[in-house]
C-alpha atoms as a PDB file:
ATOM      1  CA  MET A   1     -11.229 -24.743   9.545  1.00  0.00           C
ATOM      2  CA  LYS A   2      -8.468 -26.885  10.711  1.00  0.00           C
ATOM      3  CA  ASN A   3      -7.154 -27.184   7.244  1.00  0.00           C
ATOM      4  CA  ILE A   4      -7.304 -23.458   6.467  1.00  0.00           C
ATOM      5  CA  LYS A   5      -5.531 -22.886   9.872  1.00  0.00           C
ATOM      6  CA  SER A   6      -2.685 -25.377   9.138  1.00  0.00           C
ATOM      7  CA  LEU A   7      -2.227 -24.123   5.594  1.00  0.00           C
ATOM      8  CA  THR A   8      -2.139 -20.425   6.676  1.00  0.00           C
ATOM      9  CA  LYS A   9       0.496 -21.222   9.416  1.00  0.00           C
ATOM     10  CA  ARG A  10       2.393 -23.005   6.767  1.00  0.00           C
ATOM     11  CA  ASN A  11       2.467 -20.104   4.383  1.00  0.00           C
ATOM     12  CA  LEU A  12       3.322 -17.668   7.056  1.00  0.00           C
ATOM     13  CA  LEU A  13       6.459 -19.775   7.966  1.00  0.00           C
ATOM     14  CA  LEU A  14       7.522 -20.173   4.269  1.00  0.00           C
ATOM     15  CA  PHE A  15       7.515 -16.535   4.039  1.00  0.00           C
ATOM     16  CA  PHE A  16       9.229 -15.444   7.017  1.00  0.00           C
ATOM     17  CA  ARG A  17      11.816 -17.949   6.772  1.00  0.00           C
ATOM     18  CA  ASP A  18      12.684 -16.785   3.269  1.00  0.00           C
ATOM     19  CA  LYS A  19      14.825 -13.587   4.152  1.00  0.00           C
ATOM     20  CA  ALA A  20      15.224 -12.690   0.461  1.00  0.00           C
ATOM     21  CA  THR A  21      11.417 -12.745  -0.103  1.00  0.00           C
ATOM     22  CA  VAL A  22      10.819 -10.673   3.053  1.00  0.00           C
ATOM     23  CA  PHE A  23      13.577  -8.065   1.765  1.00  0.00           C
ATOM     24  CA  PHE A  24      12.479  -7.732  -1.729  1.00  0.00           C
ATOM     25  CA  SER A  25       8.749  -7.199  -0.385  1.00  0.00           C
ATOM     26  CA  PHE A  26      10.505  -4.070   1.416  1.00  0.00           C
ATOM     27  CA  LEU A  27      12.446  -3.028  -1.633  1.00  0.00           C
ATOM     28  CA  SER A  28      10.141  -0.486  -3.007  1.00  0.00           C
ATOM     29  CA  VAL A  29       9.825   1.000   0.474  1.00  0.00           C
ATOM     30  CA  ILE A  30      13.598   1.192   1.241  1.00  0.00           C
ATOM     31  CA  ILE A  31      14.100   2.908  -2.307  1.00  0.00           C
ATOM     32  CA  ILE A  32      11.422   5.579  -1.414  1.00  0.00           C
ATOM     33  CA  LEU A  33      13.036   6.052   2.124  1.00  0.00           C
ATOM     34  CA  GLY A  34      16.426   6.232   0.534  1.00  0.00           C
ATOM     35  CA  LEU A  35      15.673   8.619  -2.117  1.00  0.00           C
ATOM     36  CA  TYR A  36      13.774  10.719   0.392  1.00  0.00           C
ATOM     37  CA  ILE A  37      16.668  11.096   2.958  1.00  0.00           C
ATOM     38  CA  LEU A  38      19.324  11.673   0.075  1.00  0.00           C
ATOM     39  CA  PHE A  39      17.454  13.876  -2.013  1.00  0.00           C
ATOM     40  CA  LEU A  40      14.051  14.705  -1.539  1.00  0.00           C
ATOM     41  CA  SER A  41      13.518  15.592   1.885  1.00  0.00           C
ATOM     42  CA  ASP A  42      15.498  18.989   1.448  1.00  0.00           C
ATOM     43  CA  LEU A  43      13.486  19.838  -1.875  1.00  0.00           C
ATOM     44  CA  GLN A  44      10.149  19.324  -0.261  1.00  0.00           C
ATOM     45  CA  VAL A  45      11.284  21.411   2.637  1.00  0.00           C
ATOM     46  CA  GLN A  46      12.652  24.206   0.226  1.00  0.00           C
ATOM     47  CA  SER A  47       9.510  24.244  -1.715  1.00  0.00           C
ATOM     48  CA  VAL A  48       7.302  24.691   1.205  1.00  0.00           C
ATOM     49  CA  GLU A  49       9.526  27.492   2.780  1.00  0.00           C
ATOM     50  CA  GLU A  50       9.191  29.234  -0.688  1.00  0.00           C
ATOM     51  CA  VAL A  51       5.520  29.640   0.202  1.00  0.00           C
ATOM     52  CA  VAL A  52       5.331  30.247   3.903  1.00  0.00           C
ATOM     53  CA  GLY A  53       8.762  30.995   4.834  1.00  0.00           C
ATOM     54  CA  LYS A  54      11.274  29.441   7.308  1.00  0.00           C
ATOM     55  CA  ILE A  55       9.081  28.459  10.061  1.00  0.00           C
ATOM     56  CA  GLU A  56       8.620  25.745  12.518  1.00  0.00           C
ATOM     57  CA  GLY A  57       6.840  22.508  11.615  1.00  0.00           C
ATOM     58  CA  ILE A  58       7.758  22.146   7.972  1.00  0.00           C
ATOM     59  CA  LYS A  59      10.305  19.158   8.750  1.00  0.00           C
ATOM     60  CA  PRO A  60       7.419  17.230  10.507  1.00  0.00           C
ATOM     61  CA  LEU A  61       5.054  17.996   7.682  1.00  0.00           C
ATOM     62  CA  VAL A  62       7.130  16.532   5.022  1.00  0.00           C
ATOM     63  CA  ASN A  63       8.062  13.700   7.026  1.00  0.00           C
ATOM     64  CA  SER A  64       4.283  13.130   7.713  1.00  0.00           C
ATOM     65  CA  TRP A  65       3.818  13.221   3.910  1.00  0.00           C
ATOM     66  CA  VAL A  66       6.248  10.524   3.096  1.00  0.00           C
ATOM     67  CA  MET A  67       5.566   8.089   5.767  1.00  0.00           C
ATOM     68  CA  ALA A  68       1.862   8.026   4.924  1.00  0.00           C
ATOM     69  CA  GLY A  69       2.749   7.150   1.309  1.00  0.00           C
ATOM     70  CA  LEU A  70       5.262   4.657   2.431  1.00  0.00           C
ATOM     71  CA  ILE A  71       2.698   2.805   4.473  1.00  0.00           C
ATOM     72  CA  ALA A  72       0.401   2.800   1.522  1.00  0.00           C
ATOM     73  CA  VAL A  73       3.005   1.323  -0.855  1.00  0.00           C
ATOM     74  CA  SER A  74       3.848  -1.194   1.633  1.00  0.00           C
ATOM     75  CA  THR A  75       0.372  -2.876   1.488  1.00  0.00           C
ATOM     76  CA  VAL A  76       0.879  -3.675  -2.284  1.00  0.00           C
ATOM     77  CA  THR A  77       4.359  -4.864  -2.154  1.00  0.00           C
ATOM     78  CA  LEU A  78       3.946  -7.032   0.882  1.00  0.00           C
ATOM     79  CA  SER A  79       0.930  -8.515  -0.654  1.00  0.00           C
ATOM     80  CA  LEU A  80       2.705  -9.424  -3.807  1.00  0.00           C
ATOM     81  CA  GLY A  81       5.744 -10.908  -1.869  1.00  0.00           C
ATOM     82  CA  ALA A  82       3.559 -12.967   0.384  1.00  0.00           C
ATOM     83  CA  LEU A  83       1.632 -14.424  -2.745  1.00  0.00           C
ATOM     84  CA  GLY A  84       4.732 -15.632  -4.191  1.00  0.00           C
ATOM     85  CA  VAL A  85       4.133 -18.941  -2.410  1.00  0.00           C
ATOM     86  CA  VAL A  86       1.169 -19.626  -4.711  1.00  0.00           C
ATOM     87  CA  VAL A  87       3.373 -19.675  -7.702  1.00  0.00           C
ATOM     88  CA  ALA A  88       6.130 -21.509  -5.905  1.00  0.00           C
ATOM     89  CA  ASP A  89       3.541 -24.147  -5.098  1.00  0.00           C
ATOM     90  CA  ARG A  90       2.176 -24.619  -8.648  1.00  0.00           C
ATOM     91  CA  GLU A  91       5.770 -24.873  -9.824  1.00  0.00           C
ATOM     92  CA  ASN A  92       7.254 -27.263  -7.697  1.00  0.00           C
ATOM     93  CA  ASN A  93       3.588 -29.235  -7.800  1.00  0.00           C
ATOM     94  CA  ALA A  94       2.759 -29.012  -4.117  1.00  0.00           C
ATOM     95  CA  MET A  95      -0.463 -27.424  -4.979  1.00  0.00           C
ATOM     96  CA  ASN A  96      -1.303 -30.570  -6.718  1.00  0.00           C
ATOM     97  CA  ASP A  97      -0.413 -32.665  -3.565  1.00  0.00           C
ATOM     98  CA  PHE A  98      -3.030 -30.447  -1.706  1.00  0.00           C
ATOM     99  CA  LEU A  99      -5.727 -30.875  -4.280  1.00  0.00           C
ATOM    100  CA  VAL A 100      -5.394 -34.782  -4.040  1.00  0.00           C
ATOM    101  CA  ALA A 101      -5.577 -34.612  -0.222  1.00  0.00           C
ATOM    102  CA  PRO A 102      -8.763 -34.284   1.561  1.00  0.00           C
ATOM    103  CA  ILE A 103      -8.756 -30.577   1.367  1.00  0.00           C
ATOM    104  CA  LYS A 104     -10.911 -28.449  -0.778  1.00  0.00           C
ATOM    105  CA  ARG A 105      -9.563 -26.206  -3.343  1.00  0.00           C
ATOM    106  CA  GLU A 106     -11.457 -22.959  -1.765  1.00  0.00           C
ATOM    107  CA  GLN A 107      -9.729 -23.965   1.593  1.00  0.00           C
ATOM    108  CA  VAL A 108      -6.116 -24.028  -0.313  1.00  0.00           C
ATOM    109  CA  PHE A 109      -6.707 -20.348  -1.932  1.00  0.00           C
ATOM    110  CA  LEU A 110      -8.383 -18.963   1.301  1.00  0.00           C
ATOM    111  CA  SER A 111      -5.205 -20.017   3.284  1.00  0.00           C
ATOM    112  CA  TYR A 112      -3.177 -18.058   0.691  1.00  0.00           C
ATOM    113  CA  LEU A 113      -5.434 -15.029   1.261  1.00  0.00           C
ATOM    114  CA  LEU A 114      -5.319 -15.238   5.102  1.00  0.00           C
ATOM    115  CA  SER A 115      -1.663 -15.416   5.281  1.00  0.00           C
ATOM    116  CA  THR A 116      -1.206 -12.627   2.597  1.00  0.00           C
ATOM    117  CA  ILE A 117      -3.383 -10.280   4.774  1.00  0.00           C
ATOM    118  CA  ILE A 118      -1.839 -11.409   8.068  1.00  0.00           C
ATOM    119  CA  ILE A 119       1.660 -10.690   6.752  1.00  0.00           C
ATOM    120  CA  ALA A 120       0.812  -7.406   5.060  1.00  0.00           C
ATOM    121  CA  MET A 121      -1.306  -6.235   8.118  1.00  0.00           C
ATOM    122  CA  ILE A 122       1.472  -7.002  10.849  1.00  0.00           C
ATOM    123  CA  ILE A 123       4.412  -5.646   8.720  1.00  0.00           C
ATOM    124  CA  SER A 124       2.117  -2.200   7.641  1.00  0.00           C
ATOM    125  CA  LEU A 125       1.174  -1.696  11.382  1.00  0.00           C
ATOM    126  CA  THR A 126       4.817  -2.244  12.372  1.00  0.00           C
ATOM    127  CA  LEU A 127       5.807   0.507   9.796  1.00  0.00           C
ATOM    128  CA  PHE A 128       3.097   2.679  11.300  1.00  0.00           C
ATOM    129  CA  VAL A 129       4.650   2.490  14.575  1.00  0.00           C
ATOM    130  CA  ILE A 130       8.100   3.146  13.082  1.00  0.00           C
ATOM    131  CA  ALA A 131       6.530   6.158  11.096  1.00  0.00           C
ATOM    132  CA  GLU A 132       5.132   7.809  14.425  1.00  0.00           C
ATOM    133  CA  ILE A 133       8.485   7.490  15.838  1.00  0.00           C
ATOM    134  CA  TYR A 134      10.289   8.813  12.912  1.00  0.00           C
ATOM    135  CA  ILE A 135       7.891  11.967  12.733  1.00  0.00           C
ATOM    136  CA  ILE A 136       8.138  12.444  16.579  1.00  0.00           C
ATOM    137  CA  SER A 137      11.901  12.524  16.366  1.00  0.00           C
ATOM    138  CA  SER A 138      11.629  15.309  13.833  1.00  0.00           C
ATOM    139  CA  GLY A 139       9.699  17.498  16.235  1.00  0.00           C
ATOM    140  CA  GLY A 140       6.110  16.249  15.237  1.00  0.00           C
ATOM    141  CA  THR A 141       3.423  14.928  17.425  1.00  0.00           C
ATOM    142  CA  VAL A 142       1.936  11.604  17.850  1.00  0.00           C
ATOM    143  CA  LEU A 143      -1.405  10.746  16.562  1.00  0.00           C
ATOM    144  CA  THR A 144      -4.402  10.674  19.120  1.00  0.00           C
ATOM    145  CA  ILE A 145      -6.413   7.451  19.559  1.00  0.00           C
ATOM    146  CA  ILE A 146      -9.310   8.290  17.009  1.00  0.00           C
ATOM    147  CA  PRO A 147      -6.717   9.349  14.035  1.00  0.00           C
ATOM    148  CA  MET A 148      -4.817   6.224  14.992  1.00  0.00           C
ATOM    149  CA  LEU A 149      -7.810   3.877  14.725  1.00  0.00           C
ATOM    150  CA  LYS A 150      -8.521   5.568  11.271  1.00  0.00           C
ATOM    151  CA  VAL A 151      -5.456   4.770  10.143  1.00  0.00           C
ATOM    152  CA  ILE A 152      -5.622   1.289  11.224  1.00  0.00           C
ATOM    153  CA  GLY A 153      -8.776   1.088   9.378  1.00  0.00           C
ATOM    154  CA  ILE A 154      -7.638   2.541   6.202  1.00  0.00           C
ATOM    155  CA  ILE A 155      -4.614   0.021   6.341  1.00  0.00           C
ATOM    156  CA  ALA A 156      -6.745  -2.722   6.658  1.00  0.00           C
ATOM    157  CA  LEU A 157      -8.835  -1.860   3.688  1.00  0.00           C
ATOM    158  CA  CYS A 158      -5.989  -1.491   1.644  1.00  0.00           C
ATOM    159  CA  VAL A 159      -4.294  -4.576   2.661  1.00  0.00           C
ATOM    160  CA  LEU A 160      -7.620  -6.347   1.594  1.00  0.00           C
ATOM    161  CA  SER A 161      -7.907  -4.579  -1.608  1.00  0.00           C
ATOM    162  CA  SER A 162      -4.142  -5.060  -2.709  1.00  0.00           C
ATOM    163  CA  SER A 163      -4.202  -8.711  -1.513  1.00  0.00           C
ATOM    164  CA  LEU A 164      -7.374  -9.635  -3.802  1.00  0.00           C
ATOM    165  CA  LEU A 165      -5.969  -7.723  -6.552  1.00  0.00           C
ATOM    166  CA  MET A 166      -2.503  -9.300  -6.456  1.00  0.00           C
ATOM    167  CA  LEU A 167      -4.207 -12.766  -5.854  1.00  0.00           C
ATOM    168  CA  PHE A 168      -6.000 -12.459  -9.160  1.00  0.00           C
ATOM    169  CA  VAL A 169      -3.024 -11.145 -11.049  1.00  0.00           C
ATOM    170  CA  ILE A 170      -0.567 -13.942  -9.607  1.00  0.00           C
ATOM    171  CA  SER A 171      -2.927 -16.610 -10.474  1.00  0.00           C
ATOM    172  CA  PHE A 172      -2.073 -16.282 -14.007  1.00  0.00           C
ATOM    173  CA  LEU A 173       1.732 -16.562 -13.377  1.00  0.00           C
ATOM    174  CA  LYS A 174       3.385 -20.035 -13.517  1.00  0.00           C
ATOM    175  CA  SER A 175       6.954 -19.381 -12.639  1.00  0.00           C
ATOM    176  CA  GLU A 176       8.936 -17.894  -9.739  1.00  0.00           C
ATOM    177  CA  GLN A 177      10.969 -15.879 -12.186  1.00  0.00           C
ATOM    178  CA  SER A 178       7.656 -14.142 -13.456  1.00  0.00           C
ATOM    179  CA  VAL A 179       6.909 -13.068 -10.004  1.00  0.00           C
ATOM    180  CA  GLY A 180      10.178 -11.169  -9.590  1.00  0.00           C
ATOM    181  CA  VAL A 181       9.748  -9.651 -12.916  1.00  0.00           C
ATOM    182  CA  LEU A 182       6.193  -8.421 -11.784  1.00  0.00           C
ATOM    183  CA  GLY A 183       7.611  -7.304  -8.370  1.00  0.00           C
ATOM    184  CA  THR A 184      10.170  -5.065  -9.967  1.00  0.00           C
ATOM    185  CA  ILE A 185       7.582  -3.498 -12.233  1.00  0.00           C
ATOM    186  CA  VAL A 186       5.048  -3.129  -9.675  1.00  0.00           C
ATOM    187  CA  GLY A 187       7.650  -1.888  -7.025  1.00  0.00           C
ATOM    188  CA  THR A 188       8.751   0.610  -9.810  1.00  0.00           C
ATOM    189  CA  MET A 189       5.121   1.836 -10.798  1.00  0.00           C
ATOM    190  CA  ILE A 190       3.626   2.007  -7.491  1.00  0.00           C
ATOM    191  CA  GLY A 191       5.893   4.682  -6.012  1.00  0.00           C
ATOM    192  CA  PHE A 192       5.047   7.055  -9.113  1.00  0.00           C
ATOM    193  CA  LEU A 193       1.396   6.151  -9.061  1.00  0.00           C
ATOM    194  CA  THR A 194       0.880   7.021  -5.344  1.00  0.00           C
ATOM    195  CA  GLY A 195       3.000  10.250  -5.659  1.00  0.00           C
ATOM    196  CA  ALA A 196       5.540   8.827  -3.295  1.00  0.00           C
ATOM    197  CA  TYR A 197       8.520   9.248  -5.570  1.00  0.00           C
ATOM    198  CA  VAL A 198       7.352  12.710  -6.982  1.00  0.00           C
ATOM    199  CA  PRO A 199       4.608  15.076  -5.964  1.00  0.00           C
ATOM    200  CA  MET A 200       1.319  13.965  -7.775  1.00  0.00           C
ATOM    201  CA  GLY A 201       0.734  17.502  -9.023  1.00  0.00           C
ATOM    202  CA  ILE A 202       3.931  17.770 -11.395  1.00  0.00           C
ATOM    203  CA  MET A 203       3.066  14.260 -12.963  1.00  0.00           C
ATOM    204  CA  PRO A 204       1.209  14.459 -16.532  1.00  0.00           C
ATOM    205  CA  LYS A 205      -2.426  14.658 -16.488  1.00  0.00           C
ATOM    206  CA  GLY A 206      -2.910  11.256 -17.852  1.00  0.00           C
ATOM    207  CA  VAL A 207      -0.821   9.757 -15.122  1.00  0.00           C
ATOM    208  CA  GLN A 208      -2.866  11.565 -12.525  1.00  0.00           C
ATOM    209  CA  ILE A 209      -6.105  10.314 -13.988  1.00  0.00           C
ATOM    210  CA  VAL A 210      -4.963   6.737 -13.766  1.00  0.00           C
ATOM    211  CA  SER A 211      -3.419   7.140 -10.408  1.00  0.00           C
ATOM    212  CA  ASN A 212      -6.530   8.782  -8.905  1.00  0.00           C
ATOM    213  CA  VAL A 213      -8.807   5.561  -9.792  1.00  0.00           C
ATOM    214  CA  ILE A 214      -6.363   3.165  -8.193  1.00  0.00           C
ATOM    215  CA  PRO A 215      -7.391   2.178  -4.629  1.00  0.00           C
ATOM    216  CA  VAL A 216      -3.808   2.468  -3.077  1.00  0.00           C
ATOM    217  CA  SER A 217      -3.493   5.821  -4.381  1.00  0.00           C
ATOM    218  CA  GLN A 218      -6.971   6.716  -2.862  1.00  0.00           C
ATOM    219  CA  GLY A 219      -5.624   4.907   0.474  1.00  0.00           C
ATOM    220  CA  ALA A 220      -2.444   7.034   0.191  1.00  0.00           C
ATOM    221  CA  SER A 221      -4.524  10.263  -0.018  1.00  0.00           C
ATOM    222  CA  LEU A 222      -6.541   9.207   3.109  1.00  0.00           C
ATOM    223  CA  LEU A 223      -3.449   8.337   5.264  1.00  0.00           C
ATOM    224  CA  ARG A 224      -1.939  11.644   4.217  1.00  0.00           C
ATOM    225  CA  LYS A 225      -5.206  13.614   5.262  1.00  0.00           C
ATOM    226  CA  ILE A 226      -4.772  11.991   8.845  1.00  0.00           C
ATOM    227  CA  PHE A 227      -1.144  12.199   9.245  1.00  0.00           C
ATOM    228  CA  LEU A 228      -1.173  15.795   7.932  1.00  0.00           C
ATOM    229  CA  GLU A 229      -4.098  17.186   9.633  1.00  0.00           C
ATOM    230  CA  LYS A 230      -2.123  18.951  12.330  1.00  0.00           C
ATOM    231  CA  PRO A 231       1.151  19.902  10.471  1.00  0.00           C
ATOM    232  CA  LEU A 232      -0.888  21.506   7.650  1.00  0.00           C
ATOM    233  CA  ASN A 233      -2.740  23.630  10.017  1.00  0.00           C
ATOM    234  CA  ASP A 234       0.477  24.442  11.875  1.00  0.00           C
ATOM    235  CA  VAL A 235       2.359  25.379   8.679  1.00  0.00           C
ATOM    236  CA  PHE A 236      -0.305  26.996   6.351  1.00  0.00           C
ATOM    237  CA  THR A 237      -2.392  30.020   7.526  1.00  0.00           C
ATOM    238  CA  ASP A 238      -3.355  30.875   3.799  1.00  0.00           C
ATOM    239  CA  SER A 239      -6.266  28.700   2.711  1.00  0.00           C
ATOM    240  CA  LYS A 240      -5.427  29.046  -1.152  1.00  0.00           C
ATOM    241  CA  ALA A 241      -1.761  28.097  -0.466  1.00  0.00           C
ATOM    242  CA  LEU A 242      -2.929  25.243   1.832  1.00  0.00           C
ATOM    243  CA  SER A 243      -5.194  24.097  -1.094  1.00  0.00           C
ATOM    244  CA  GLU A 244      -2.673  24.288  -3.817  1.00  0.00           C
ATOM    245  CA  TYR A 245      -0.274  22.234  -1.642  1.00  0.00           C
ATOM    246  CA  SER A 246      -2.801  19.593  -0.840  1.00  0.00           C
ATOM    247  CA  LYS A 247      -3.608  19.243  -4.550  1.00  0.00           C
ATOM    248  CA  MET A 248       0.149  19.109  -5.611  1.00  0.00           C
ATOM    249  CA  GLN A 249       1.131  16.475  -3.067  1.00  0.00           C
ATOM    250  CA  GLY A 250      -1.860  14.085  -3.550  1.00  0.00           C
ATOM    251  CA  ILE A 251      -3.333  14.940  -0.230  1.00  0.00           C
ATOM    252  CA  ASP A 252      -6.658  15.900  -2.202  1.00  0.00           C
ATOM    253  CA  LEU A 253      -7.221  13.672  -5.211  1.00  0.00           C
ATOM    254  CA  TYR A 254      -9.524  15.134  -8.293  1.00  0.00           C
ATOM    255  CA  PHE A 255     -11.446  13.722 -11.028  1.00  0.00           C
ATOM    256  CA  GLY A 256     -11.306  16.892 -13.475  1.00  0.00           C
ATOM    257  CA  ASN A 257     -12.741  19.528 -11.099  1.00  0.00           C
ATOM    258  CA  PHE A 258     -14.272  17.113  -8.749  1.00  0.00           C
ATOM    259  CA  LYS A 259     -12.614  16.615  -5.479  1.00  0.00           C
ATOM    260  CA  LEU A 260     -12.884  13.182  -3.998  1.00  0.00           C
ATOM    261  CA  SER A 261     -14.124  13.153  -0.685  1.00  0.00           C
ATOM    262  CA  PRO A 262     -12.847  10.814   2.144  1.00  0.00           C
ATOM    263  CA  SER A 263     -16.177   8.983   2.158  1.00  0.00           C
ATOM    264  CA  PHE A 264     -16.114   8.602  -1.711  1.00  0.00           C
ATOM    265  CA  MET A 265     -12.587   7.146  -1.681  1.00  0.00           C
ATOM    266  CA  ILE A 266     -13.532   4.566   1.045  1.00  0.00           C
ATOM    267  CA  CYS A 267     -16.476   3.551  -0.907  1.00  0.00           C
ATOM    268  CA  MET A 268     -14.099   3.033  -3.933  1.00  0.00           C
ATOM    269  CA  ILE A 269     -11.691   0.956  -2.277  1.00  0.00           C
ATOM    270  CA  ILE A 270     -14.740  -1.317  -0.780  1.00  0.00           C
ATOM    271  CA  LEU A 271     -15.899  -1.427  -4.188  1.00  0.00           C
ATOM    272  CA  SER A 272     -12.609  -2.763  -5.340  1.00  0.00           C
ATOM    273  CA  ILE A 273     -12.656  -5.289  -2.770  1.00  0.00           C
ATOM    274  CA  ILE A 274     -16.068  -6.479  -3.806  1.00  0.00           C
ATOM    275  CA  VAL A 275     -14.823  -6.653  -7.712  1.00  0.00           C
ATOM    276  CA  PHE A 276     -11.788  -8.522  -6.988  1.00  0.00           C
ATOM    277  CA  SER A 277     -13.302 -10.930  -4.904  1.00  0.00           C
ATOM    278  CA  SER A 278     -15.805 -11.669  -7.530  1.00  0.00           C
ATOM    279  CA  LEU A 279     -13.087 -12.064 -10.013  1.00  0.00           C
ATOM    280  CA  ASN A 280     -11.164 -14.624  -7.845  1.00  0.00           C
ATOM    281  CA  ILE A 281     -14.026 -16.717  -7.498  1.00  0.00           C
ATOM    282  CA  ILE A 282     -14.731 -16.691 -11.145  1.00  0.00           C
ATOM    283  CA  ARG A 283     -10.991 -17.468 -11.775  1.00  0.00           C
ATOM    284  CA  PHE A 284     -10.579 -20.206  -9.280  1.00  0.00           C
ATOM    285  CA  LYS A 285     -13.804 -21.994 -10.548  1.00  0.00           C
ATOM    286  CA  ARG A 286     -12.335 -21.813 -13.905  1.00  0.00           C
ATOM    287  CA  MET A 287      -9.201 -23.292 -12.857  1.00  0.00           C
ATOM    288  CA  LYS A 288     -11.167 -25.890 -11.239  1.00  0.00           C
ATOM    289  CA  ASN A 289     -12.771 -26.776 -14.405  1.00  0.00           C
ATOM    290  CA  LYS A 290      -9.450 -27.177 -16.343  1.00  0.00           C
END
């Protein structure tokens, strides 16, 4: 336990001391927020006004939608950024030093996972607080205790799922340059797949199907349901218009005509955690045998 604690502390210090790593972990979030403020905000507001007219509550509705997506995206990009230390240690042979020391291989990799979860949780929860302040400043209302706890629970599930997925992927990389390339690809794709750049409903059907099976997209949907529960009721009085908007904006996800329930999506995220935990165990056992 002492070894895990020491290694985890080391990984945390390496991440937070490297300002470039922290910045690039936030890059996708910064891009989404910049696009939203400069272009997408007015378009989103106008599209809602075309349906319900110019009424109060539209701005908080749109802001709540984008903030939920940002938090979901951050759980992936922060996990990937925090795990860059794995590849760095392999490239500079620090990992070999750990393995010849009286430290079990499992303890080394568990420390990488724990530090990643801690980093992603701390910063994602900080983003949650910032999101609440931003929503309130636009005329929205703060979430009550129960919805807040639900948001924290969903963030924790998304962080754990994303951390395990990124740990498995990054275990195949051998250079920090390849991590940068992967970060660029993931940072670009994740915004589209979660419907953070453009509404889910206007993307091709194939992209929607792929997006709907990705745990982080389901996490984004769950967060949007909580963030937008009151704003949706304030803005939409027509149940048909509400249903169409929820489908278009990725608040409700579908497999064909089957609407995914919150409990189903939570089970899918938990299943992804189990699957990638198993894959990581298999992967690191094979690495041990090499």
